[in-house]
Amino acid sequence: MGTAEGSRAEAVEQELPSDRVADLVEYIVCGLVDDEDSVSLDVTDREEGALIEVSCSEEDAGRVIGRKGRTIKAIRTLARALGQRVGTAVEVEVVG
């Protein structure tokens, strides 16, 4: 593959910063739930940052949120830290 073809392929496959954060969130959430197949993420990129909506089964939503919201708060903290590192603001919401 020539250099011109390689640079075009890289441009097509270039991922957004929010995709890296979404990968982290998905990895964490899939480790918490029983039914990994029901987990899906909807990433919306906006001017002020990215919104990541996590959908899962109702039984697993409680695990993702955690007691008094501690688990989702920790997930949000990690997502925001990575988002800051890659240059985007991030919000994470659970849609049970």
PDB file of N, CA and C in Angstrom:
ATOM      1  N   MET A   1       0.858  -1.175   0.000  1.00  0.00           N
ATOM      2  CA  MET A   1       0.000   0.000   0.000  1.00  0.00           C
ATOM      3  C   MET A   1       0.902   1.235   0.000  1.00  0.00           C
ATOM      4  N   GLY A   2       0.624   2.172  -0.885  1.00  0.00           N
ATOM      5  CA  GLY A   2       1.400   3.409  -0.979  1.00  0.00           C
ATOM      6  C   GLY A   2       1.062   4.344   0.161  1.00  0.00           C
ATOM      7  N   THR A   3       1.834   5.406   0.291  1.00  0.00           N
ATOM      8  CA  THR A   3       1.606   6.343   1.388  1.00  0.00           C
ATOM      9  C   THR A   3       0.297   7.102   1.222  1.00  0.00           C
ATOM     10  N   ALA A   4      -0.110   7.389  -0.010  1.00  0.00           N
ATOM     11  CA  ALA A   4      -1.369   8.099  -0.228  1.00  0.00           C
ATOM     12  C   ALA A   4      -2.545   7.213   0.173  1.00  0.00           C
ATOM     13  N   GLU A   5      -2.473   5.940  -0.163  1.00  0.00           N
ATOM     14  CA  GLU A   5      -3.540   5.023   0.215  1.00  0.00           C
ATOM     15  C   GLU A   5      -3.577   4.832   1.720  1.00  0.00           C
ATOM     16  N   GLY A   6      -2.415   4.753   2.340  1.00  0.00           N
ATOM     17  CA  GLY A   6      -2.350   4.568   3.787  1.00  0.00           C
ATOM     18  C   GLY A   6      -2.938   5.733   4.552  1.00  0.00           C
ATOM     19  N   SER A   7      -2.662   6.957   4.099  1.00  0.00           N
ATOM     20  CA  SER A   7      -3.187   8.119   4.804  1.00  0.00           C
ATOM     21  C   SER A   7      -4.700   8.229   4.636  1.00  0.00           C
ATOM     22  N   ARG A   8      -5.221   7.826   3.468  1.00  0.00           N
ATOM     23  CA  ARG A   8      -6.675   7.825   3.277  1.00  0.00           C
ATOM     24  C   ARG A   8      -7.330   6.790   4.175  1.00  0.00           C
ATOM     25  N   ALA A   9      -6.725   5.626   4.296  1.00  0.00           N
ATOM     26  CA  ALA A   9      -7.279   4.582   5.155  1.00  0.00           C
ATOM     27  C   ALA A   9      -7.280   5.033   6.610  1.00  0.00           C
ATOM     28  N   GLU A  10      -6.220   5.721   7.034  1.00  0.00           N
ATOM     29  CA  GLU A  10      -6.167   6.227   8.407  1.00  0.00           C
ATOM     30  C   GLU A  10      -7.243   7.268   8.642  1.00  0.00           C
ATOM     31  N   ALA A  11      -7.509   8.112   7.668  1.00  0.00           N
ATOM     32  CA  ALA A  11      -8.523   9.158   7.811  1.00  0.00           C
ATOM     33  C   ALA A  11      -9.915   8.535   7.954  1.00  0.00           C
ATOM     34  N   VAL A  12     -10.165   7.455   7.212  1.00  0.00           N
ATOM     35  CA  VAL A  12     -11.467   6.797   7.285  1.00  0.00           C
ATOM     36  C   VAL A  12     -11.633   6.092   8.623  1.00  0.00           C
ATOM     37  N   GLU A  13     -10.562   5.461   9.112  1.00  0.00           N
ATOM     38  CA  GLU A  13     -10.639   4.682  10.335  1.00  0.00           C
ATOM     39  C   GLU A  13     -10.379   5.508  11.591  1.00  0.00           C
ATOM     40  N   GLN A  14     -10.093   6.797  11.436  1.00  0.00           N
ATOM     41  CA  GLN A  14      -9.798   7.646  12.586  1.00  0.00           C
ATOM     42  C   GLN A  14     -11.009   7.695  13.504  1.00  0.00           C
ATOM     43  N   GLU A  15     -10.800   7.393  14.780  1.00  0.00           N
ATOM     44  CA  GLU A  15     -11.913   7.410  15.709  1.00  0.00           C
ATOM     45  C   GLU A  15     -11.964   8.734  16.459  1.00  0.00           C
ATOM     46  N   LEU A  16     -13.149   9.099  16.842  1.00  0.00           N
ATOM     47  CA  LEU A  16     -13.354  10.328  17.602  1.00  0.00           C
ATOM     48  C   LEU A  16     -12.911  10.114  19.046  1.00  0.00           C
ATOM     49  N   PRO A  17     -12.564  11.188  19.744  1.00  0.00           N
ATOM     50  CA  PRO A  17     -12.193  11.043  21.160  1.00  0.00           C
ATOM     51  C   PRO A  17     -13.311  10.410  21.987  1.00  0.00           C
ATOM     52  N   SER A  18     -14.563  10.719  21.636  1.00  0.00           N
ATOM     53  CA  SER A  18     -15.682  10.149  22.385  1.00  0.00           C
ATOM     54  C   SER A  18     -15.778   8.641  22.204  1.00  0.00           C
ATOM     55  N   ASP A  19     -15.265   8.110  21.096  1.00  0.00           N
ATOM     56  CA  ASP A  19     -15.277   6.663  20.881  1.00  0.00           C
ATOM     57  C   ASP A  19     -14.360   5.963  21.877  1.00  0.00           C
ATOM     58  N   ARG A  20     -13.237   6.577  22.189  1.00  0.00           N
ATOM     59  CA  ARG A  20     -12.319   5.983  23.173  1.00  0.00           C
ATOM     60  C   ARG A  20     -12.971   5.938  24.551  1.00  0.00           C
ATOM     61  N   VAL A  21     -13.688   6.998  24.900  1.00  0.00           N
ATOM     62  CA  VAL A  21     -14.364   7.035  26.196  1.00  0.00           C
ATOM     63  C   VAL A  21     -15.500   6.014  26.212  1.00  0.00           C
ATOM     64  N   ALA A  22     -16.234   5.912  25.111  1.00  0.00           N
ATOM     65  CA  ALA A  22     -17.337   4.949  25.021  1.00  0.00           C
ATOM     66  C   ALA A  22     -16.813   3.519  25.157  1.00  0.00           C
ATOM     67  N   ASP A  23     -15.651   3.236  24.585  1.00  0.00           N
ATOM     68  CA  ASP A  23     -15.054   1.905  24.728  1.00  0.00           C
ATOM     69  C   ASP A  23     -14.760   1.589  26.193  1.00  0.00           C
ATOM     70  N   LEU A  24     -14.248   2.571  26.928  1.00  0.00           N
ATOM     71  CA  LEU A  24     -13.973   2.389  28.348  1.00  0.00           C
ATOM     72  C   LEU A  24     -15.261   2.120  29.121  1.00  0.00           C
ATOM     73  N   VAL A  25     -16.279   2.934  28.870  1.00  0.00           N
ATOM     74  CA  VAL A  25     -17.555   2.783  29.569  1.00  0.00           C
ATOM     75  C   VAL A  25     -18.154   1.411  29.266  1.00  0.00           C
ATOM     76  N   GLU A  26     -18.114   0.998  28.009  1.00  0.00           N
ATOM     77  CA  GLU A  26     -18.661  -0.303  27.627  1.00  0.00           C
ATOM     78  C   GLU A  26     -17.908  -1.435  28.334  1.00  0.00           C
ATOM     79  N   TYR A  27     -16.595  -1.336  28.395  1.00  0.00           N
ATOM     80  CA  TYR A  27     -15.784  -2.354  29.061  1.00  0.00           C
ATOM     81  C   TYR A  27     -16.166  -2.479  30.538  1.00  0.00           C
ATOM     82  N   ILE A  28     -16.325  -1.355  31.209  1.00  0.00           N
ATOM     83  CA  ILE A  28     -16.666  -1.362  32.635  1.00  0.00           C
ATOM     84  C   ILE A  28     -18.063  -1.925  32.851  1.00  0.00           C
ATOM     85  N   VAL A  29     -19.020  -1.437  32.055  1.00  0.00           N
ATOM     86  CA  VAL A  29     -20.411  -1.865  32.223  1.00  0.00           C
ATOM     87  C   VAL A  29     -20.558  -3.359  31.936  1.00  0.00           C
ATOM     88  N   CYS A  30     -19.906  -3.849  30.883  1.00  0.00           N
ATOM     89  CA  CYS A  30     -20.012  -5.275  30.556  1.00  0.00           C
ATOM     90  C   CYS A  30     -19.428  -6.143  31.664  1.00  0.00           C
ATOM     91  N   GLY A  31     -18.467  -5.631  32.401  1.00  0.00           N
ATOM     92  CA  GLY A  31     -17.919  -6.365  33.532  1.00  0.00           C
ATOM     93  C   GLY A  31     -18.857  -6.418  34.725  1.00  0.00           C
ATOM     94  N   LEU A  32     -19.815  -5.518  34.783  1.00  0.00           N
ATOM     95  CA  LEU A  32     -20.734  -5.451  35.916  1.00  0.00           C
ATOM     96  C   LEU A  32     -22.008  -6.262  35.724  1.00  0.00           C
ATOM     97  N   VAL A  33     -22.473  -6.393  34.492  1.00  0.00           N
ATOM     98  CA  VAL A  33     -23.796  -6.954  34.221  1.00  0.00           C
ATOM     99  C   VAL A  33     -23.741  -8.463  34.003  1.00  0.00           C
ATOM    100  N   ASP A  34     -24.908  -9.110  34.139  1.00  0.00           N
ATOM    101  CA  ASP A  34     -25.037 -10.538  33.842  1.00  0.00           C
ATOM    102  C   ASP A  34     -25.243 -10.769  32.357  1.00  0.00           C
ATOM    103  N   ASP A  35     -26.086  -9.930  31.728  1.00  0.00           N
ATOM    104  CA  ASP A  35     -26.448 -10.098  30.320  1.00  0.00           C
ATOM    105  C   ASP A  35     -25.711  -9.061  29.478  1.00  0.00           C
ATOM    106  N   GLU A  36     -24.496  -9.412  29.026  1.00  0.00           N
ATOM    107  CA  GLU A  36     -23.688  -8.471  28.245  1.00  0.00           C
ATOM    108  C   GLU A  36     -24.315  -8.159  26.889  1.00  0.00           C
ATOM    109  N   ASP A  37     -25.126  -9.078  26.361  1.00  0.00           N
ATOM    110  CA  ASP A  37     -25.748  -8.868  25.050  1.00  0.00           C
ATOM    111  C   ASP A  37     -26.785  -7.754  25.076  1.00  0.00           C
ATOM    112  N   SER A  38     -27.328  -7.459  26.249  1.00  0.00           N
ATOM    113  CA  SER A  38     -28.343  -6.411  26.337  1.00  0.00           C
ATOM    114  C   SER A  38     -27.734  -5.017  26.479  1.00  0.00           C
ATOM    115  N   VAL A  39     -26.423  -4.947  26.642  1.00  0.00           N
ATOM    116  CA  VAL A  39     -25.752  -3.656  26.812  1.00  0.00           C
ATOM    117  C   VAL A  39     -25.535  -3.003  25.451  1.00  0.00           C
ATOM    118  N   SER A  40     -25.966  -1.754  25.333  1.00  0.00           N
ATOM    119  CA  SER A  40     -25.683  -0.981  24.122  1.00  0.00           C
ATOM    120  C   SER A  40     -25.417   0.465  24.526  1.00  0.00           C
ATOM    121  N   LEU A  41     -24.568   1.105  23.763  1.00  0.00           N
ATOM    122  CA  LEU A  41     -24.217   2.495  24.037  1.00  0.00           C
ATOM    123  C   LEU A  41     -24.624   3.348  22.859  1.00  0.00           C
ATOM    124  N   ASP A  42     -25.210   4.496  23.156  1.00  0.00           N
ATOM    125  CA  ASP A  42     -25.570   5.471  22.134  1.00  0.00           C
ATOM    126  C   ASP A  42     -24.743   6.724  22.405  1.00  0.00           C
ATOM    127  N   VAL A  43     -23.836   7.030  21.499  1.00  0.00           N
ATOM    128  CA  VAL A  43     -22.933   8.172  21.678  1.00  0.00           C
ATOM    129  C   VAL A  43     -23.406   9.319  20.797  1.00  0.00           C
ATOM    130  N   THR A  44     -23.670  10.462  21.407  1.00  0.00           N
ATOM    131  CA  THR A  44     -24.085  11.657  20.692  1.00  0.00           C
ATOM    132  C   THR A  44     -23.024  12.726  20.891  1.00  0.00           C
ATOM    133  N   ASP A  45     -22.379  13.116  19.794  1.00  0.00           N
ATOM    134  CA  ASP A  45     -21.368  14.175  19.865  1.00  0.00           C
ATOM    135  C   ASP A  45     -22.046  15.520  19.645  1.00  0.00           C
ATOM    136  N   ARG A  46     -21.810  16.434  20.582  1.00  0.00           N
ATOM    137  CA  ARG A  46     -22.367  17.781  20.496  1.00  0.00           C
ATOM    138  C   ARG A  46     -21.234  18.782  20.609  1.00  0.00           C
ATOM    139  N   GLU A  47     -21.554  20.054  20.420  1.00  0.00           N
ATOM    140  CA  GLU A  47     -20.531  21.109  20.537  1.00  0.00           C
ATOM    141  C   GLU A  47     -19.911  21.149  21.921  1.00  0.00           C
ATOM    142  N   GLU A  48     -20.735  21.029  22.944  1.00  0.00           N
ATOM    143  CA  GLU A  48     -20.238  21.148  24.317  1.00  0.00           C
ATOM    144  C   GLU A  48     -19.642  19.852  24.851  1.00  0.00           C
ATOM    145  N   GLY A  49     -19.698  18.768  24.081  1.00  0.00           N
ATOM    146  CA  GLY A  49     -19.118  17.504  24.519  1.00  0.00           C
ATOM    147  C   GLY A  49     -19.911  16.326  24.006  1.00  0.00           C
ATOM    148  N   ALA A  50     -19.660  15.174  24.577  1.00  0.00           N
ATOM    149  CA  ALA A  50     -20.313  13.944  24.144  1.00  0.00           C
ATOM    150  C   ALA A  50     -21.253  13.447  25.237  1.00  0.00           C
ATOM    151  N   LEU A  51     -22.374  12.867  24.796  1.00  0.00           N
ATOM    152  CA  LEU A  51     -23.327  12.237  25.699  1.00  0.00           C
ATOM    153  C   LEU A  51     -23.305  10.752  25.397  1.00  0.00           C
ATOM    154  N   ILE A  52     -23.025   9.942  26.401  1.00  0.00           N
ATOM    155  CA  ILE A  52     -23.015   8.493  26.249  1.00  0.00           C
ATOM    156  C   ILE A  52     -24.186   7.943  27.050  1.00  0.00           C
ATOM    157  N   GLU A  53     -25.143   7.338  26.358  1.00  0.00           N
ATOM    158  CA  GLU A  53     -26.303   6.738  27.003  1.00  0.00           C
ATOM    159  C   GLU A  53     -26.121   5.231  27.018  1.00  0.00           C
ATOM    160  N   VAL A  54     -26.144   4.661  28.212  1.00  0.00           N
ATOM    161  CA  VAL A  54     -25.957   3.228  28.386  1.00  0.00           C
ATOM    162  C   VAL A  54     -27.323   2.579  28.548  1.00  0.00           C
ATOM    163  N   SER A  55     -27.641   1.635  27.660  1.00  0.00           N
ATOM    164  CA  SER A  55     -28.879   0.878  27.759  1.00  0.00           C
ATOM    165  C   SER A  55     -28.544  -0.542  28.184  1.00  0.00           C
ATOM    166  N   CYS A  56     -29.329  -1.077  29.123  1.00  0.00           N
ATOM    167  CA  CYS A  56     -29.141  -2.451  29.559  1.00  0.00           C
ATOM    168  C   CYS A  56     -30.469  -2.959  30.094  1.00  0.00           C
ATOM    169  N   SER A  57     -30.509  -4.241  30.465  1.00  0.00           N
ATOM    170  CA  SER A  57     -31.741  -4.802  31.008  1.00  0.00           C
ATOM    171  C   SER A  57     -32.039  -4.139  32.358  1.00  0.00           C
ATOM    172  N   GLU A  58     -33.306  -4.169  32.743  1.00  0.00           N
ATOM    173  CA  GLU A  58     -33.716  -3.511  33.989  1.00  0.00           C
ATOM    174  C   GLU A  58     -33.033  -4.121  35.206  1.00  0.00           C
ATOM    175  N   GLU A  59     -32.828  -5.456  35.179  1.00  0.00           N
ATOM    176  CA  GLU A  59     -32.175  -6.116  36.307  1.00  0.00           C
ATOM    177  C   GLU A  59     -30.738  -5.627  36.464  1.00  0.00           C
ATOM    178  N   ASP A  60     -30.065  -5.417  35.328  1.00  0.00           N
ATOM    179  CA  ASP A  60     -28.667  -4.991  35.360  1.00  0.00           C
ATOM    180  C   ASP A  60     -28.507  -3.493  35.596  1.00  0.00           C
ATOM    181  N   ALA A  61     -29.549  -2.708  35.359  1.00  0.00           N
ATOM    182  CA  ALA A  61     -29.462  -1.258  35.562  1.00  0.00           C
ATOM    183  C   ALA A  61     -29.132  -0.946  37.017  1.00  0.00           C
ATOM    184  N   GLY A  62     -29.667  -1.726  37.935  1.00  0.00           N
ATOM    185  CA  GLY A  62     -29.372  -1.535  39.352  1.00  0.00           C
ATOM    186  C   GLY A  62     -27.904  -1.761  39.667  1.00  0.00           C
ATOM    187  N   ARG A  63     -27.304  -2.738  38.998  1.00  0.00           N
ATOM    188  CA  ARG A  63     -25.875  -3.000  39.198  1.00  0.00           C
ATOM    189  C   ARG A  63     -25.029  -1.854  38.650  1.00  0.00           C
ATOM    190  N   VAL A  64     -25.428  -1.323  37.503  1.00  0.00           N
ATOM    191  CA  VAL A  64     -24.669  -0.241  36.879  1.00  0.00           C
ATOM    192  C   VAL A  64     -24.770   1.035  37.710  1.00  0.00           C
ATOM    193  N   ILE A  65     -25.946   1.292  38.263  1.00  0.00           N
ATOM    194  CA  ILE A  65     -26.141   2.491  39.076  1.00  0.00           C
ATOM    195  C   ILE A  65     -25.498   2.318  40.452  1.00  0.00           C
ATOM    196  N   GLY A  66     -25.687   1.156  41.059  1.00  0.00           N
ATOM    197  CA  GLY A  66     -25.070   0.876  42.353  1.00  0.00           C
ATOM    198  C   GLY A  66     -25.836   1.472  43.513  1.00  0.00           C
ATOM    199  N   ARG A  67     -25.400   1.104  44.717  1.00  0.00           N
ATOM    200  CA  ARG A  67     -26.041   1.621  45.923  1.00  0.00           C
ATOM    201  C   ARG A  67     -25.798   3.108  46.051  1.00  0.00           C
ATOM    202  N   LYS A  68     -26.883   3.843  46.208  1.00  0.00           N
ATOM    203  CA  LYS A  68     -26.834   5.302  46.332  1.00  0.00           C
ATOM    204  C   LYS A  68     -26.123   5.960  45.146  1.00  0.00           C
ATOM    205  N   GLY A  69     -26.081   5.264  43.997  1.00  0.00           N
ATOM    206  CA  GLY A  69     -25.493   5.835  42.801  1.00  0.00           C
ATOM    207  C   GLY A  69     -23.979   5.850  42.783  1.00  0.00           C
ATOM    208  N   ARG A  70     -23.369   5.096  43.664  1.00  0.00           N
ATOM    209  CA  ARG A  70     -21.902   5.140  43.774  1.00  0.00           C
ATOM    210  C   ARG A  70     -21.209   4.581  42.544  1.00  0.00           C
ATOM    211  N   THR A  71     -21.747   3.496  41.977  1.00  0.00           N
ATOM    212  CA  THR A  71     -21.084   2.866  40.828  1.00  0.00           C
ATOM    213  C   THR A  71     -21.127   3.763  39.605  1.00  0.00           C
ATOM    214  N   ILE A  72     -22.293   4.330  39.291  1.00  0.00           N
ATOM    215  CA  ILE A  72     -22.390   5.198  38.113  1.00  0.00           C
ATOM    216  C   ILE A  72     -21.563   6.468  38.335  1.00  0.00           C
ATOM    217  N   LYS A  73     -21.483   6.927  39.577  1.00  0.00           N
ATOM    218  CA  LYS A  73     -20.651   8.099  39.864  1.00  0.00           C
ATOM    219  C   LYS A  73     -19.188   7.795  39.569  1.00  0.00           C
ATOM    220  N   ALA A  74     -18.722   6.599  39.931  1.00  0.00           N
ATOM    221  CA  ALA A  74     -17.347   6.203  39.652  1.00  0.00           C
ATOM    222  C   ALA A  74     -17.107   6.062  38.150  1.00  0.00           C
ATOM    223  N   ILE A  75     -18.084   5.498  37.433  1.00  0.00           N
ATOM    224  CA  ILE A  75     -17.970   5.362  35.977  1.00  0.00           C
ATOM    225  C   ILE A  75     -17.886   6.749  35.338  1.00  0.00           C
ATOM    226  N   ARG A  76     -18.718   7.669  35.807  1.00  0.00           N
ATOM    227  CA  ARG A  76     -18.696   9.039  35.271  1.00  0.00           C
ATOM    228  C   ARG A  76     -17.354   9.712  35.540  1.00  0.00           C
ATOM    229  N   THR A  77     -16.804   9.488  36.725  1.00  0.00           N
ATOM    230  CA  THR A  77     -15.507  10.082  37.070  1.00  0.00           C
ATOM    231  C   THR A  77     -14.423   9.577  36.128  1.00  0.00           C
ATOM    232  N   LEU A  78     -14.385   8.269  35.893  1.00  0.00           N
ATOM    233  CA  LEU A  78     -13.396   7.701  34.980  1.00  0.00           C
ATOM    234  C   LEU A  78     -13.600   8.206  33.558  1.00  0.00           C
ATOM    235  N   ALA A  79     -14.867   8.267  33.118  1.00  0.00           N
ATOM    236  CA  ALA A  79     -15.158   8.733  31.762  1.00  0.00           C
ATOM    237  C   ALA A  79     -14.752  10.188  31.574  1.00  0.00           C
ATOM    238  N   ARG A  80     -15.037  11.016  32.568  1.00  0.00           N
ATOM    239  CA  ARG A  80     -14.658  12.433  32.474  1.00  0.00           C
ATOM    240  C   ARG A  80     -13.144  12.597  32.480  1.00  0.00           C
ATOM    241  N   ALA A  81     -12.446  11.786  33.280  1.00  0.00           N
ATOM    242  CA  ALA A  81     -10.990  11.874  33.330  1.00  0.00           C
ATOM    243  C   ALA A  81     -10.384  11.511  31.977  1.00  0.00           C
ATOM    244  N   LEU A  82     -10.854  10.431  31.357  1.00  0.00           N
ATOM    245  CA  LEU A  82     -10.355  10.063  30.037  1.00  0.00           C
ATOM    246  C   LEU A  82     -10.775  11.095  29.001  1.00  0.00           C
ATOM    247  N   GLY A  83     -11.997  11.597  29.111  1.00  0.00           N
ATOM    248  CA  GLY A  83     -12.467  12.621  28.189  1.00  0.00           C
ATOM    249  C   GLY A  83     -11.599  13.862  28.244  1.00  0.00           C
ATOM    250  N   GLN A  84     -11.214  14.255  29.430  1.00  0.00           N
ATOM    251  CA  GLN A  84     -10.345  15.416  29.595  1.00  0.00           C
ATOM    252  C   GLN A  84      -8.983  15.143  28.959  1.00  0.00           C
ATOM    253  N   ARG A  85      -8.516  13.932  29.092  1.00  0.00           N
ATOM    254  CA  ARG A  85      -7.214  13.565  28.539  1.00  0.00           C
ATOM    255  C   ARG A  85      -7.210  13.561  27.011  1.00  0.00           C
ATOM    256  N   VAL A  86      -8.360  13.154  26.400  1.00  0.00           N
ATOM    257  CA  VAL A  86      -8.430  13.122  24.934  1.00  0.00           C
ATOM    258  C   VAL A  86      -9.041  14.397  24.362  1.00  0.00           C
ATOM    259  N   GLY A  87      -9.448  15.312  25.230  1.00  0.00           N
ATOM    260  CA  GLY A  87      -9.894  16.624  24.770  1.00  0.00           C
ATOM    261  C   GLY A  87     -11.369  16.786  24.493  1.00  0.00           C
ATOM    262  N   THR A  88     -12.209  16.104  25.242  1.00  0.00           N
ATOM    263  CA  THR A  88     -13.657  16.277  25.067  1.00  0.00           C
ATOM    264  C   THR A  88     -14.367  16.168  26.414  1.00  0.00           C
ATOM    265  N   ALA A  89     -15.453  16.899  26.571  1.00  0.00           N
ATOM    266  CA  ALA A  89     -16.272  16.789  27.768  1.00  0.00           C
ATOM    267  C   ALA A  89     -17.221  15.608  27.581  1.00  0.00           C
ATOM    268  N   VAL A  90     -17.519  14.888  28.663  1.00  0.00           N
ATOM    269  CA  VAL A  90     -18.319  13.670  28.557  1.00  0.00           C
ATOM    270  C   VAL A  90     -19.365  13.633  29.653  1.00  0.00           C
ATOM    271  N   GLU A  91     -20.561  13.206  29.289  1.00  0.00           N
ATOM    272  CA  GLU A  91     -21.627  12.921  30.249  1.00  0.00           C
ATOM    273  C   GLU A  91     -22.081  11.481  30.023  1.00  0.00           C
ATOM    274  N   VAL A  92     -22.327  10.747  31.095  1.00  0.00           N
ATOM    275  CA  VAL A  92     -22.775   9.359  30.993  1.00  0.00           C
ATOM    276  C   VAL A  92     -24.121   9.245  31.697  1.00  0.00           C
ATOM    277  N   GLU A  93     -25.095   8.673  30.993  1.00  0.00           N
ATOM    278  CA  GLU A  93     -26.438   8.467  31.541  1.00  0.00           C
ATOM    279  C   GLU A  93     -26.820   7.000  31.374  1.00  0.00           C
ATOM    280  N   VAL A  94     -27.589   6.467  32.323  1.00  0.00           N
ATOM    281  CA  VAL A  94     -28.083   5.092  32.238  1.00  0.00           C
ATOM    282  C   VAL A  94     -29.548   5.132  31.827  1.00  0.00           C
ATOM    283  N   VAL A  95     -29.855   4.438  30.743  1.00  0.00           N
ATOM    284  CA  VAL A  95     -31.239   4.316  30.281  1.00  0.00           C
ATOM    285  C   VAL A  95     -31.618   2.860  30.483  1.00  0.00           C
ATOM    286  N   GLY A  96     -32.241   2.577  31.632  1.00  0.00           N
ATOM    287  CA  GLY A  96     -32.544   1.187  31.990  1.00  0.00           C
ATOM    288  C   GLY A  96     -33.503   0.597  31.086  1.00  0.00           C
TER     289      GLY A  96
END
